[in-house]
Every structure is written in structure tokens, then in C-alpha cells.
Amino acid sequence: MSDLTDAEIDAICAGYVQNAAKVRFLRRLGLTVERKPNGRPLVNRAHYDAVRGGGGRQEAAASWTPAWNVQ
């Protein structure tokens, strides 16, 4: 059983800097998120793939970045 790496989580949460904001964002995506002792989000890879459709990790990360250009 493996977890998403910090780099993968950062890619999914692009635009968010604070760990608490990343946790909230990931939970809004429907993921179960734990916290590491240093406060960073911890997400199980199998759970992420099941909830987000299981596509390629980079493709999934790129498709779920926040849209900062409000019109």
C-alpha cells in the first residue's frame, strides 16, 4: 500500500501553499486525507485512483488544478 508523494500532492494542489489549504482542497475532491507529523497531506494512492478515476497520475493532477482566472 503506497501513498502519493509530496510532489504529486503539490501538483494536484497547484496554487495552494499552506498544508491546511491543500488538505481542504483534497477533501473537497472527495478524498480521505490524513496528515503527516509535519502537517503535509497524506493520501493513499489506491484511494486516489478509485475516487479520481484511476487515470495516469500526471494527467489526473493536471486536470484538477484550481482555476485562478475568475471572469
N, C-alpha and C. Protein backbone atom coordinates (compact mmCIF):
# COMPACT_ATOMS: atom_id res chain seq x y z
N MET A 1 0.86 -1.16 0.00
CA MET A 1 0.00 0.00 0.00
C MET A 1 0.91 1.23 0.00
N SER A 2 0.77 2.06 -1.01
CA SER A 2 1.62 3.24 -1.09
C SER A 2 0.76 4.51 -1.06
N ASP A 3 1.44 5.59 -0.83
CA ASP A 3 0.78 6.89 -0.76
C ASP A 3 1.30 7.79 -1.85
N LEU A 4 0.55 8.84 -2.16
CA LEU A 4 1.01 9.83 -3.13
C LEU A 4 2.24 10.52 -2.56
N THR A 5 3.17 10.85 -3.43
CA THR A 5 4.37 11.56 -2.99
C THR A 5 4.03 13.03 -2.75
N ASP A 6 4.93 13.72 -2.05
CA ASP A 6 4.73 15.16 -1.81
C ASP A 6 4.66 15.91 -3.14
N ALA A 7 5.49 15.51 -4.11
CA ALA A 7 5.49 16.17 -5.42
C ALA A 7 4.16 15.97 -6.13
N GLU A 8 3.58 14.77 -6.04
CA GLU A 8 2.28 14.51 -6.68
C GLU A 8 1.18 15.33 -6.02
N ILE A 9 1.20 15.40 -4.70
CA ILE A 9 0.20 16.20 -4.00
C ILE A 9 0.36 17.67 -4.35
N ASP A 10 1.61 18.15 -4.43
CA ASP A 10 1.83 19.54 -4.81
C ASP A 10 1.31 19.82 -6.22
N ALA A 11 1.46 18.85 -7.13
CA ALA A 11 0.95 19.02 -8.49
C ALA A 11 -0.58 19.07 -8.51
N ILE A 12 -1.20 18.22 -7.72
CA ILE A 12 -2.67 18.20 -7.65
C ILE A 12 -3.18 19.50 -7.03
N CYS A 13 -2.46 19.99 -6.03
CA CYS A 13 -2.86 21.19 -5.30
C CYS A 13 -2.13 22.43 -5.81
N ALA A 14 -1.83 22.48 -7.07
CA ALA A 14 -1.10 23.63 -7.64
C ALA A 14 -1.83 24.92 -7.29
N GLY A 15 -1.08 25.89 -6.81
CA GLY A 15 -1.66 27.16 -6.42
C GLY A 15 -1.85 27.30 -4.93
N TYR A 16 -1.88 26.18 -4.22
CA TYR A 16 -2.01 26.21 -2.77
C TYR A 16 -0.63 26.05 -2.15
N VAL A 17 -0.34 26.86 -1.14
CA VAL A 17 0.97 26.82 -0.49
C VAL A 17 0.87 26.20 0.90
N GLN A 18 -0.13 26.60 1.65
CA GLN A 18 -0.26 26.11 3.02
C GLN A 18 -0.80 24.69 3.04
N ASN A 19 -0.26 23.88 3.96
CA ASN A 19 -0.68 22.49 4.06
C ASN A 19 -2.16 22.36 4.41
N ALA A 20 -2.67 23.24 5.26
CA ALA A 20 -4.09 23.19 5.64
C ALA A 20 -4.97 23.44 4.41
N ALA A 21 -4.57 24.35 3.55
CA ALA A 21 -5.33 24.62 2.33
C ALA A 21 -5.30 23.42 1.39
N LYS A 22 -4.17 22.74 1.32
CA LYS A 22 -4.06 21.54 0.48
C LYS A 22 -4.98 20.45 1.01
N VAL A 23 -5.01 20.27 2.32
CA VAL A 23 -5.89 19.27 2.93
C VAL A 23 -7.35 19.58 2.60
N ARG A 24 -7.76 20.83 2.77
CA ARG A 24 -9.15 21.21 2.45
C ARG A 24 -9.48 20.96 0.99
N PHE A 25 -8.56 21.33 0.09
CA PHE A 25 -8.78 21.14 -1.34
C PHE A 25 -8.93 19.66 -1.67
N LEU A 26 -8.05 18.83 -1.14
CA LEU A 26 -8.12 17.40 -1.41
C LEU A 26 -9.41 16.79 -0.86
N ARG A 27 -9.84 17.25 0.29
CA ARG A 27 -11.10 16.74 0.86
C ARG A 27 -12.30 17.17 0.01
N ARG A 28 -12.24 18.38 -0.57
CA ARG A 28 -13.32 18.82 -1.46
C ARG A 28 -13.37 17.97 -2.73
N LEU A 29 -12.25 17.37 -3.10
CA LEU A 29 -12.24 16.46 -4.25
C LEU A 29 -12.83 15.10 -3.90
N GLY A 30 -13.18 14.90 -2.64
CA GLY A 30 -13.79 13.64 -2.21
C GLY A 30 -12.79 12.63 -1.67
N LEU A 31 -11.59 13.07 -1.36
CA LEU A 31 -10.55 12.17 -0.89
C LEU A 31 -10.51 12.11 0.64
N THR A 32 -10.12 10.97 1.16
CA THR A 32 -9.85 10.84 2.58
C THR A 32 -8.41 11.25 2.77
N VAL A 33 -8.19 12.25 3.60
CA VAL A 33 -6.85 12.83 3.77
C VAL A 33 -6.45 12.74 5.23
N GLU A 34 -5.31 12.15 5.49
CA GLU A 34 -4.69 12.16 6.81
C GLU A 34 -3.60 13.22 6.78
N ARG A 35 -2.95 13.43 7.90
CA ARG A 35 -1.85 14.39 7.97
C ARG A 35 -0.59 13.70 8.47
N LYS A 36 0.52 14.05 7.85
CA LYS A 36 1.81 13.57 8.32
C LYS A 36 2.17 14.37 9.57
N PRO A 37 3.15 13.90 10.36
CA PRO A 37 3.56 14.66 11.55
C PRO A 37 4.00 16.09 11.25
N ASN A 38 4.50 16.34 10.04
CA ASN A 38 4.92 17.71 9.69
C ASN A 38 3.76 18.55 9.14
N GLY A 39 2.54 17.99 9.11
CA GLY A 39 1.36 18.74 8.68
C GLY A 39 0.99 18.57 7.21
N ARG A 40 1.87 17.96 6.42
CA ARG A 40 1.57 17.77 5.00
C ARG A 40 0.47 16.73 4.82
N PRO A 41 -0.32 16.85 3.74
CA PRO A 41 -1.39 15.88 3.48
C PRO A 41 -0.82 14.49 3.16
N LEU A 42 -1.56 13.48 3.54
CA LEU A 42 -1.21 12.09 3.26
C LEU A 42 -2.42 11.44 2.62
N VAL A 43 -2.27 10.98 1.35
CA VAL A 43 -3.37 10.39 0.60
C VAL A 43 -2.93 9.04 0.06
N ASN A 44 -3.75 8.03 0.28
CA ASN A 44 -3.47 6.70 -0.22
C ASN A 44 -3.65 6.68 -1.74
N ARG A 45 -2.67 6.12 -2.45
CA ARG A 45 -2.69 6.10 -3.91
C ARG A 45 -3.88 5.31 -4.46
N ALA A 46 -4.19 4.15 -3.88
CA ALA A 46 -5.31 3.34 -4.36
C ALA A 46 -6.63 4.09 -4.17
N HIS A 47 -6.77 4.78 -3.05
CA HIS A 47 -7.99 5.56 -2.80
C HIS A 47 -8.09 6.71 -3.81
N TYR A 48 -6.98 7.39 -4.06
CA TYR A 48 -6.96 8.48 -5.04
C TYR A 48 -7.38 7.97 -6.41
N ASP A 49 -6.81 6.85 -6.84
CA ASP A 49 -7.15 6.29 -8.14
C ASP A 49 -8.61 5.88 -8.21
N ALA A 50 -9.14 5.32 -7.12
CA ALA A 50 -10.55 4.90 -7.11
C ALA A 50 -11.49 6.10 -7.18
N VAL A 51 -11.19 7.15 -6.44
CA VAL A 51 -12.07 8.31 -6.38
C VAL A 51 -11.95 9.17 -7.64
N ARG A 52 -10.73 9.37 -8.12
CA ARG A 52 -10.49 10.28 -9.24
C ARG A 52 -10.48 9.58 -10.59
N GLY A 53 -10.80 8.31 -10.66
CA GLY A 53 -10.93 7.66 -11.95
C GLY A 53 -9.75 6.80 -12.38
N GLY A 54 -8.67 6.82 -11.65
CA GLY A 54 -7.56 5.91 -11.89
C GLY A 54 -6.74 6.17 -13.13
N GLY A 55 -6.88 7.31 -13.80
CA GLY A 55 -6.06 7.60 -14.98
C GLY A 55 -4.61 7.80 -14.59
N GLY A 56 -3.80 8.20 -15.54
CA GLY A 56 -2.41 8.47 -15.24
C GLY A 56 -2.29 9.55 -14.18
N ARG A 57 -1.34 9.41 -13.30
CA ARG A 57 -1.23 10.35 -12.18
C ARG A 57 -0.98 11.76 -12.66
N GLN A 58 -0.10 11.94 -13.62
CA GLN A 58 0.19 13.29 -14.10
C GLN A 58 -1.03 13.88 -14.81
N GLU A 59 -1.74 13.06 -15.57
CA GLU A 59 -2.94 13.55 -16.27
C GLU A 59 -4.00 13.96 -15.26
N ALA A 60 -4.19 13.14 -14.22
CA ALA A 60 -5.19 13.46 -13.22
C ALA A 60 -4.81 14.72 -12.46
N ALA A 61 -3.55 14.85 -12.14
CA ALA A 61 -3.09 16.04 -11.41
C ALA A 61 -3.29 17.29 -12.25
N ALA A 62 -3.00 17.21 -13.52
CA ALA A 62 -3.13 18.38 -14.38
C ALA A 62 -4.60 18.78 -14.56
N SER A 63 -5.50 17.81 -14.54
CA SER A 63 -6.91 18.13 -14.80
C SER A 63 -7.62 18.67 -13.56
N TRP A 64 -7.01 18.58 -12.38
CA TRP A 64 -7.68 19.02 -11.16
C TRP A 64 -6.95 20.17 -10.47
N THR A 65 -6.33 21.01 -11.23
CA THR A 65 -5.71 22.20 -10.66
C THR A 65 -6.75 23.31 -10.53
N PRO A 66 -6.62 24.18 -9.56
CA PRO A 66 -7.60 25.25 -9.39
C PRO A 66 -7.56 26.25 -10.55
N ALA A 67 -8.70 26.78 -10.87
CA ALA A 67 -8.80 27.79 -11.92
C ALA A 67 -8.73 29.17 -11.26
N TRP A 68 -7.60 29.84 -11.40
CA TRP A 68 -7.40 31.11 -10.73
C TRP A 68 -7.89 32.28 -11.56
N ASN A 69 -8.26 32.08 -12.80
CA ASN A 69 -8.70 33.19 -13.66
C ASN A 69 -10.23 33.31 -13.59
N VAL A 70 -10.71 34.08 -12.67
CA VAL A 70 -12.14 34.29 -12.50
C VAL A 70 -12.60 35.35 -13.48
N GLN A 71 -13.70 35.07 -14.17
CA GLN A 71 -14.18 36.01 -15.16
C GLN A 71 -15.54 36.56 -14.76
